[in-house]
PDB file of N, CA and C in Angstrom:
ATOM      1  N   PRO A   1      33.405  -9.556  80.776  1.00  0.00           N
ATOM      2  CA  PRO A   1      33.835 -10.134  79.540  1.00  0.00           C
ATOM      3  C   PRO A   1      34.584 -11.518  79.791  1.00  0.00           C
ATOM      4  N   ALA A   2      34.154 -12.257  78.376  1.00  0.00           N
ATOM      5  CA  ALA A   2      34.864 -13.560  78.310  1.00  0.00           C
ATOM      6  C   ALA A   2      36.219 -13.664  78.716  1.00  0.00           C
ATOM      7  N   HIS A   3      36.594 -14.869  79.302  1.00  0.00           N
ATOM      8  CA  HIS A   3      38.226 -14.963  79.396  1.00  0.00           C
ATOM      9  C   HIS A   3      38.656 -16.263  78.847  1.00  0.00           C
ATOM     10  N   VAL A   4      39.814 -16.038  77.864  1.00  0.00           N
ATOM     11  CA  VAL A   4      40.052 -17.338  77.039  1.00  0.00           C
ATOM     12  C   VAL A   4      40.963 -18.248  77.822  1.00  0.00           C
ATOM     13  N   GLY A   5      41.321 -17.883  78.939  1.00  0.00           N
ATOM     14  CA  GLY A   5      42.247 -18.856  79.648  1.00  0.00           C
ATOM     15  C   GLY A   5      43.699 -19.036  79.334  1.00  0.00           C
ATOM     16  N   ARG A   6      44.080 -17.847  78.577  1.00  0.00           N
ATOM     17  CA  ARG A   6      45.565 -17.746  78.353  1.00  0.00           C
ATOM     18  C   ARG A   6      46.217 -16.496  78.609  1.00  0.00           C
ATOM     19  N   ARG A   7      47.421 -16.449  78.717  1.00  0.00           N
ATOM     20  CA  ARG A   7      48.137 -15.232  79.214  1.00  0.00           C
ATOM     21  C   ARG A   7      49.443 -15.391  78.534  1.00  0.00           C
ATOM     22  N   GLU A   8      49.977 -14.019  78.292  1.00  0.00           N
ATOM     23  CA  GLU A   8      51.183 -13.790  77.717  1.00  0.00           C
ATOM     24  C   GLU A   8      52.398 -14.344  78.580  1.00  0.00           C
ATOM     25  N   ASP A   9      52.298 -14.166  79.718  1.00  0.00           N
ATOM     26  CA  ASP A   9      53.481 -14.409  80.583  1.00  0.00           C
ATOM     27  C   ASP A   9      53.219 -15.804  81.482  1.00  0.00           C
ATOM     28  N   ALA A  10      54.305 -16.389  82.087  1.00  0.00           N
ATOM     29  CA  ALA A  10      54.168 -17.549  82.637  1.00  0.00           C
ATOM     30  C   ALA A  10      53.606 -17.367  84.081  1.00  0.00           C
ATOM     31  N   GLY A  11      52.904 -18.180  84.489  1.00  0.00           N
ATOM     32  CA  GLY A  11      52.087 -18.071  85.733  1.00  0.00           C
ATOM     33  C   GLY A  11      53.147 -18.499  87.029  1.00  0.00           C
ATOM     34  N   PRO A  12      52.391 -18.597  88.082  1.00  0.00           N
ATOM     35  CA  PRO A  12      53.425 -18.956  89.071  1.00  0.00           C
ATOM     36  C   PRO A  12      54.053 -20.480  88.808  1.00  0.00           C
ATOM     37  N   THR A  13      55.137 -20.670  89.169  1.00  0.00           N
ATOM     38  CA  THR A  13      55.634 -22.168  88.934  1.00  0.00           C
ATOM     39  C   THR A  13      56.256 -22.807  90.338  1.00  0.00           C
ATOM     40  N   ASP A  14      56.316 -21.921  91.407  1.00  0.00           N
ATOM     41  CA  ASP A  14      56.591 -22.718  92.591  1.00  0.00           C
ATOM     42  C   ASP A  14      55.520 -23.452  93.542  1.00  0.00           C
ATOM     43  N   ASP A  15      56.118 -24.627  93.760  1.00  0.00           N
ATOM     44  CA  ASP A  15      54.861 -25.453  94.551  1.00  0.00           C
ATOM     45  C   ASP A  15      53.783 -25.935  93.797  1.00  0.00           C
ATOM     46  N   ILE A  16      53.932 -26.149  92.464  1.00  0.00           N
ATOM     47  CA  ILE A  16      53.018 -26.726  91.467  1.00  0.00           C
ATOM     48  C   ILE A  16      53.200 -28.189  91.325  1.00  0.00           C
ATOM     49  N   ASP A  17      52.027 -28.850  91.707  1.00  0.00           N
ATOM     50  CA  ASP A  17      52.318 -30.406  91.513  1.00  0.00           C
ATOM     51  C   ASP A  17      51.278 -30.518  90.064  1.00  0.00           C
ATOM     52  N   VAL A  18      51.608 -31.113  89.099  1.00  0.00           N
ATOM     53  CA  VAL A  18      50.893 -31.601  87.964  1.00  0.00           C
ATOM     54  C   VAL A  18      50.520 -33.011  88.112  1.00  0.00           C
ATOM     55  N   PHE A  19      49.111 -33.319  88.403  1.00  0.00           N
ATOM     56  CA  PHE A  19      48.695 -34.533  88.470  1.00  0.00           C
ATOM     57  C   PHE A  19      48.341 -35.489  87.313  1.00  0.00           C
ATOM     58  N   TRP A  20      47.997 -34.772  86.313  1.00  0.00           N
ATOM     59  CA  TRP A  20      47.734 -35.346  84.969  1.00  0.00           C
ATOM     60  C   TRP A  20      47.867 -34.460  83.911  1.00  0.00           C
ATOM     61  N   ARG A  21      47.885 -34.831  82.642  1.00  0.00           N
ATOM     62  CA  ARG A  21      47.863 -34.049  81.529  1.00  0.00           C
ATOM     63  C   ARG A  21      47.002 -34.700  80.377  1.00  0.00           C
ATOM     64  N   ARG A  22      46.237 -34.129  79.523  1.00  0.00           N
ATOM     65  CA  ARG A  22      45.420 -34.707  78.567  1.00  0.00           C
ATOM     66  C   ARG A  22      45.976 -34.385  77.045  1.00  0.00           C
ATOM     67  N   THR A  23      45.803 -35.182  76.223  1.00  0.00           N
ATOM     68  CA  THR A  23      45.816 -34.712  74.818  1.00  0.00           C
ATOM     69  C   THR A  23      44.704 -35.528  74.121  1.00  0.00           C
ATOM     70  N   PRO A  24      44.062 -34.900  73.272  1.00  0.00           N
ATOM     71  CA  PRO A  24      44.757 -33.860  72.268  1.00  0.00           C
ATOM     72  C   PRO A  24      44.051 -32.490  72.488  1.00  0.00           C
ATOM     73  N   PHE A  25      43.709 -32.288  73.860  1.00  0.00           N
ATOM     74  CA  PHE A  25      42.847 -31.197  74.195  1.00  0.00           C
ATOM     75  C   PHE A  25      44.023 -29.948  73.984  1.00  0.00           C
ATOM     76  N   ARG A  26      44.016 -28.933  72.992  1.00  0.00           N
ATOM     77  CA  ARG A  26      44.926 -27.864  72.824  1.00  0.00           C
ATOM     78  C   ARG A  26      44.113 -26.445  73.219  1.00  0.00           C
ATOM     79  N   TYR A  27      44.518 -25.633  72.570  1.00  0.00           N
ATOM     80  CA  TYR A  27      44.153 -24.076  72.708  1.00  0.00           C
ATOM     81  C   TYR A  27      42.374 -24.262  72.479  1.00  0.00           C
ATOM     82  N   ASP A  28      41.749 -25.111  71.430  1.00  0.00           N
ATOM     83  CA  ASP A  28      40.400 -24.722  71.027  1.00  0.00           C
ATOM     84  C   ASP A  28      39.515 -25.819  71.815  1.00  0.00           C
ATOM     85  N   HIS A  29      39.865 -26.240  73.032  1.00  0.00           N
ATOM     86  CA  HIS A  29      38.644 -26.795  73.956  1.00  0.00           C
ATOM     87  C   HIS A  29      38.059 -25.532  74.724  1.00  0.00           C
ATOM     88  N   SER A  30      37.044 -26.277  75.206  1.00  0.00           N
ATOM     89  CA  SER A  30      36.181 -25.227  76.113  1.00  0.00           C
ATOM     90  C   SER A  30      36.683 -25.178  77.652  1.00  0.00           C
ATOM     91  N   GLN A  31      36.282 -24.164  78.381  1.00  0.00           N
ATOM     92  CA  GLN A  31      36.597 -24.173  79.579  1.00  0.00           C
ATOM     93  C   GLN A  31      36.409 -25.488  80.192  1.00  0.00           C
ATOM     94  N   PRO A  32      37.140 -25.826  81.178  1.00  0.00           N
ATOM     95  CA  PRO A  32      36.829 -27.260  81.953  1.00  0.00           C
ATOM     96  C   PRO A  32      35.788 -26.918  83.037  1.00  0.00           C
ATOM     97  N   VAL A  33      34.788 -27.904  83.234  1.00  0.00           N
ATOM     98  CA  VAL A  33      33.920 -27.713  84.333  1.00  0.00           C
ATOM     99  C   VAL A  33      33.940 -28.871  85.231  1.00  0.00           C
ATOM    100  N   VAL A  34      34.409 -28.602  86.612  1.00  0.00           N
ATOM    101  CA  VAL A  34      34.606 -29.427  87.628  1.00  0.00           C
ATOM    102  C   VAL A  34      33.173 -29.663  88.498  1.00  0.00           C
ATOM    103  N   VAL A  35      32.703 -31.008  88.384  1.00  0.00           N
ATOM    104  CA  VAL A  35      31.448 -31.241  89.119  1.00  0.00           C
ATOM    105  C   VAL A  35      31.912 -32.508  90.070  1.00  0.00           C
ATOM    106  N   GLY A  36      31.952 -32.240  91.414  1.00  0.00           N
ATOM    107  CA  GLY A  36      32.529 -33.545  92.300  1.00  0.00           C
ATOM    108  C   GLY A  36      33.964 -33.719  91.675  1.00  0.00           C
ATOM    109  N   ASN A  37      33.899 -35.222  91.520  1.00  0.00           N
ATOM    110  CA  ASN A  37      35.193 -35.818  90.871  1.00  0.00           C
ATOM    111  C   ASN A  37      35.269 -36.003  89.495  1.00  0.00           C
ATOM    112  N   ARG A  38      34.356 -35.297  88.842  1.00  0.00           N
ATOM    113  CA  ARG A  38      34.276 -35.462  87.196  1.00  0.00           C
ATOM    114  C   ARG A  38      34.780 -33.946  86.604  1.00  0.00           C
ATOM    115  N   VAL A  39      35.373 -34.131  85.352  1.00  0.00           N
ATOM    116  CA  VAL A  39      35.671 -33.010  84.801  1.00  0.00           C
ATOM    117  C   VAL A  39      34.968 -32.945  83.301  1.00  0.00           C
ATOM    118  N   TYR A  40      34.343 -31.948  83.069  1.00  0.00           N
ATOM    119  CA  TYR A  40      33.578 -31.830  81.536  1.00  0.00           C
ATOM    120  C   TYR A  40      34.228 -30.920  80.641  1.00  0.00           C
ATOM    121  N   VAL A  41      34.676 -31.457  79.634  1.00  0.00           N
ATOM    122  CA  VAL A  41      35.324 -30.475  78.578  1.00  0.00           C
ATOM    123  C   VAL A  41      34.663 -30.774  77.277  1.00  0.00           C
ATOM    124  N   SER A  42      34.523 -29.851  76.277  1.00  0.00           N
ATOM    125  CA  SER A  42      34.184 -30.193  75.049  1.00  0.00           C
ATOM    126  C   SER A  42      35.354 -29.779  73.974  1.00  0.00           C
ATOM    127  N   PHE A  43      35.584 -30.540  72.904  1.00  0.00           N
ATOM    128  CA  PHE A  43      36.627 -30.389  72.051  1.00  0.00           C
ATOM    129  C   PHE A  43      36.313 -30.900  70.591  1.00  0.00           C
ATOM    130  N   SER A  44      36.414 -29.923  69.611  1.00  0.00           N
ATOM    131  CA  SER A  44      36.238 -30.402  68.223  1.00  0.00           C
ATOM    132  C   SER A  44      34.891 -31.336  68.117  1.00  0.00           C
ATOM    133  N   GLY A  45      33.820 -30.887  68.617  1.00  0.00           N
ATOM    134  CA  GLY A  45      32.423 -31.051  68.499  1.00  0.00           C
ATOM    135  C   GLY A  45      32.206 -32.575  69.328  1.00  0.00           C
ATOM    136  N   THR A  46      33.181 -32.767  70.501  1.00  0.00           N
ATOM    137  CA  THR A  46      32.785 -34.031  71.358  1.00  0.00           C
ATOM    138  C   THR A  46      32.870 -33.369  72.612  1.00  0.00           C
ATOM    139  N   LEU A  47      31.815 -34.023  73.420  1.00  0.00           N
ATOM    140  CA  LEU A  47      31.880 -33.536  74.863  1.00  0.00           C
ATOM    141  C   LEU A  47      32.591 -34.806  75.660  1.00  0.00           C
ATOM    142  N   PHE A  48      33.313 -34.630  76.589  1.00  0.00           N
ATOM    143  CA  PHE A  48      34.217 -35.681  77.465  1.00  0.00           C
ATOM    144  C   PHE A  48      33.834 -35.407  78.971  1.00  0.00           C
ATOM    145  N   ARG A  49      33.922 -36.383  79.553  1.00  0.00           N
ATOM    146  CA  ARG A  49      33.761 -36.608  80.999  1.00  0.00           C
ATOM    147  C   ARG A  49      35.144 -37.411  81.378  1.00  0.00           C
ATOM    148  N   LEU A  50      35.824 -36.519  82.129  1.00  0.00           N
ATOM    149  CA  LEU A  50      37.226 -37.233  82.824  1.00  0.00           C
ATOM    150  C   LEU A  50      37.148 -37.348  84.044  1.00  0.00           C
ATOM    151  N   ASN A  51      37.999 -38.421  84.534  1.00  0.00           N
ATOM    152  CA  ASN A  51      38.144 -38.630  86.149  1.00  0.00           C
ATOM    153  C   ASN A  51      38.963 -37.371  86.632  1.00  0.00           C
ATOM    154  N   LEU A  52      38.461 -36.788  87.568  1.00  0.00           N
ATOM    155  CA  LEU A  52      39.396 -35.578  88.168  1.00  0.00           C
ATOM    156  C   LEU A  52      40.830 -36.082  88.852  1.00  0.00           C
ATOM    157  N   ALA A  53      40.731 -37.323  89.269  1.00  0.00           N
ATOM    158  CA  ALA A  53      42.043 -37.609  90.009  1.00  0.00           C
ATOM    159  C   ALA A  53      43.173 -38.130  88.995  1.00  0.00           C
ATOM    160  N   THR A  54      42.458 -38.873  87.997  1.00  0.00           N
ATOM    161  CA  THR A  54      43.394 -39.505  86.932  1.00  0.00           C
ATOM    162  C   THR A  54      43.427 -38.948  85.418  1.00  0.00           C
ATOM    163  N   GLY A  55      42.308 -38.328  85.222  1.00  0.00           N
ATOM    164  CA  GLY A  55      42.430 -37.732  83.629  1.00  0.00           C
ATOM    165  C   GLY A  55      41.907 -38.751  82.773  1.00  0.00           C
ATOM    166  N   GLU A  56      41.509 -39.715  83.218  1.00  0.00           N
ATOM    167  CA  GLU A  56      40.869 -40.925  82.357  1.00  0.00           C
ATOM    168  C   GLU A  56      39.547 -40.439  81.889  1.00  0.00           C
ATOM    169  N   VAL A  57      39.594 -40.756  80.707  1.00  0.00           N
ATOM    170  CA  VAL A  57      38.217 -40.357  79.921  1.00  0.00           C
ATOM    171  C   VAL A  57      37.104 -41.516  80.405  1.00  0.00           C
ATOM    172  N   GLN A  58      36.093 -41.074  81.063  1.00  0.00           N
ATOM    173  CA  GLN A  58      35.084 -42.126  81.651  1.00  0.00           C
ATOM    174  C   GLN A  58      33.945 -42.228  80.303  1.00  0.00           C
ATOM    175  N   TRP A  59      33.684 -41.151  79.678  1.00  0.00           N
ATOM    176  CA  TRP A  59      32.864 -41.372  78.285  1.00  0.00           C
ATOM    177  C   TRP A  59      32.997 -40.090  77.444  1.00  0.00           C
ATOM    178  N   SER A  60      32.376 -40.214  76.374  1.00  0.00           N
ATOM    179  CA  SER A  60      32.548 -38.967  75.236  1.00  0.00           C
ATOM    180  C   SER A  60      31.268 -39.255  74.525  1.00  0.00           C
ATOM    181  N   THR A  61      30.863 -38.121  73.981  1.00  0.00           N
ATOM    182  CA  THR A  61      29.673 -38.208  72.868  1.00  0.00           C
ATOM    183  C   THR A  61      29.756 -36.961  72.060  1.00  0.00           C
ATOM    184  N   GLU A  62      29.446 -37.441  70.875  1.00  0.00           N
ATOM    185  CA  GLU A  62      29.466 -36.392  69.737  1.00  0.00           C
ATOM    186  C   GLU A  62      28.126 -35.332  69.960  1.00  0.00           C
ATOM    187  N   VAL A  63      28.439 -34.063  69.772  1.00  0.00           N
ATOM    188  CA  VAL A  63      27.459 -33.244  70.342  1.00  0.00           C
ATOM    189  C   VAL A  63      26.883 -32.544  68.960  1.00  0.00           C
ATOM    190  N   GLY A  64      27.286 -32.713  67.781  1.00  0.00           N
ATOM    191  CA  GLY A  64      26.886 -32.199  66.704  1.00  0.00           C
ATOM    192  C   GLY A  64      27.297 -30.967  66.055  1.00  0.00           C
ATOM    193  N   HIS A  65      28.608 -30.582  66.487  1.00  0.00           N
ATOM    194  CA  HIS A  65      29.146 -29.385  65.792  1.00  0.00           C
ATOM    195  C   HIS A  65      30.527 -29.426  65.981  1.00  0.00           C
ATOM    196  N   ASP A  66      31.273 -28.688  65.306  1.00  0.00           N
ATOM    197  CA  ASP A  66      32.719 -28.512  65.634  1.00  0.00           C
ATOM    198  C   ASP A  66      33.192 -27.645  66.522  1.00  0.00           C
ATOM    199  N   GLY A  67      32.419 -27.020  67.387  1.00  0.00           N
ATOM    200  CA  GLY A  67      32.688 -25.969  68.455  1.00  0.00           C
ATOM    201  C   GLY A  67      33.180 -26.731  69.721  1.00  0.00           C
ATOM    202  N   SER A  68      33.524 -25.894  70.689  1.00  0.00           N
ATOM    203  CA  SER A  68      34.139 -26.174  71.740  1.00  0.00           C
ATOM    204  C   SER A  68      33.317 -25.357  72.858  1.00  0.00           C
ATOM    205  N   SER A  69      32.103 -25.346  72.873  1.00  0.00           N
ATOM    206  CA  SER A  69      31.374 -24.354  74.010  1.00  0.00           C
ATOM    207  C   SER A  69      31.379 -24.883  75.362  1.00  0.00           C
ATOM    208  N   THR A  70      31.488 -24.387  76.171  1.00  0.00           N
ATOM    209  CA  THR A  70      31.860 -24.759  77.692  1.00  0.00           C
ATOM    210  C   THR A  70      30.339 -25.343  78.100  1.00  0.00           C
ATOM    211  N   PRO A  71      30.379 -26.597  78.739  1.00  0.00           N
ATOM    212  CA  PRO A  71      29.127 -27.150  79.146  1.00  0.00           C
ATOM    213  C   PRO A  71      28.726 -26.685  80.318  1.00  0.00           C
ATOM    214  N   ALA A  72      27.473 -26.920  80.630  1.00  0.00           N
ATOM    215  CA  ALA A  72      26.671 -26.521  81.833  1.00  0.00           C
ATOM    216  C   ALA A  72      26.281 -27.977  82.368  1.00  0.00           C
ATOM    217  N   ILE A  73      26.377 -28.014  83.729  1.00  0.00           N
ATOM    218  CA  ILE A  73      25.771 -29.331  84.179  1.00  0.00           C
ATOM    219  C   ILE A  73      24.796 -28.963  85.441  1.00  0.00           C
ATOM    220  N   ARG A  74      23.727 -29.807  85.241  1.00  0.00           N
ATOM    221  CA  ARG A  74      22.748 -29.441  86.376  1.00  0.00           C
ATOM    222  C   ARG A  74      22.191 -31.056  86.499  1.00  0.00           C
ATOM    223  N   ASP A  75      22.103 -31.312  87.758  1.00  0.00           N
ATOM    224  CA  ASP A  75      21.426 -32.616  88.046  1.00  0.00           C
ATOM    225  C   ASP A  75      21.813 -33.802  87.191  1.00  0.00           C
ATOM    226  N   GLY A  76      23.329 -33.815  87.111  1.00  0.00           N
ATOM    227  CA  GLY A  76      23.648 -35.099  86.064  1.00  0.00           C
ATOM    228  C   GLY A  76      23.553 -34.905  84.747  1.00  0.00           C
ATOM    229  N   ILE A  77      23.094 -33.668  84.368  1.00  0.00           N
ATOM    230  CA  ILE A  77      22.751 -33.661  82.663  1.00  0.00           C
ATOM    231  C   ILE A  77      23.653 -32.574  82.204  1.00  0.00           C
ATOM    232  N   ALA A  78      24.412 -32.812  81.102  1.00  0.00           N
ATOM    233  CA  ALA A  78      25.147 -31.963  80.687  1.00  0.00           C
ATOM    234  C   ALA A  78      24.544 -31.299  79.400  1.00  0.00           C
ATOM    235  N   TYR A  79      24.721 -29.952  79.507  1.00  0.00           N
ATOM    236  CA  TYR A  79      23.975 -29.112  78.301  1.00  0.00           C
ATOM    237  C   TYR A  79      25.170 -28.309  77.588  1.00  0.00           C
ATOM    238  N   VAL A  80      24.961 -28.393  76.064  1.00  0.00           N
ATOM    239  CA  VAL A  80      25.962 -27.490  75.346  1.00  0.00           C
ATOM    240  C   VAL A  80      25.331 -26.943  74.312  1.00  0.00           C
ATOM    241  N   THR A  81      25.694 -25.710  73.898  1.00  0.00           N
ATOM    242  CA  THR A  81      25.295 -24.920  72.904  1.00  0.00           C
ATOM    243  C   THR A  81      25.506 -25.452  71.364  1.00  0.00           C
ATOM    244  N   VAL A  82      24.754 -25.504  70.419  1.00  0.00           N
ATOM    245  CA  VAL A  82      25.233 -26.015  69.176  1.00  0.00           C
ATOM    246  C   VAL A  82      25.201 -24.964  68.094  1.00  0.00           C
TER     247      VAL A  82
END
């Protein structure tokens, strides 16, 4: 079954280092996909590629819908359902 990535209680809090935090990604973003040093995530009809180390947006593109489907990456090409 699908997992929404949320839980009712707090997760582990010991020995956690937050390297970066990104906004405006809220609860309605896709699951992030990590490929090498890149993070792909879709949010409100836009696909973003972020730098894994810094969280900086490297590029973004409109994908033609208001959804937030999780992208699939193969051979450097991002695929999303619309």
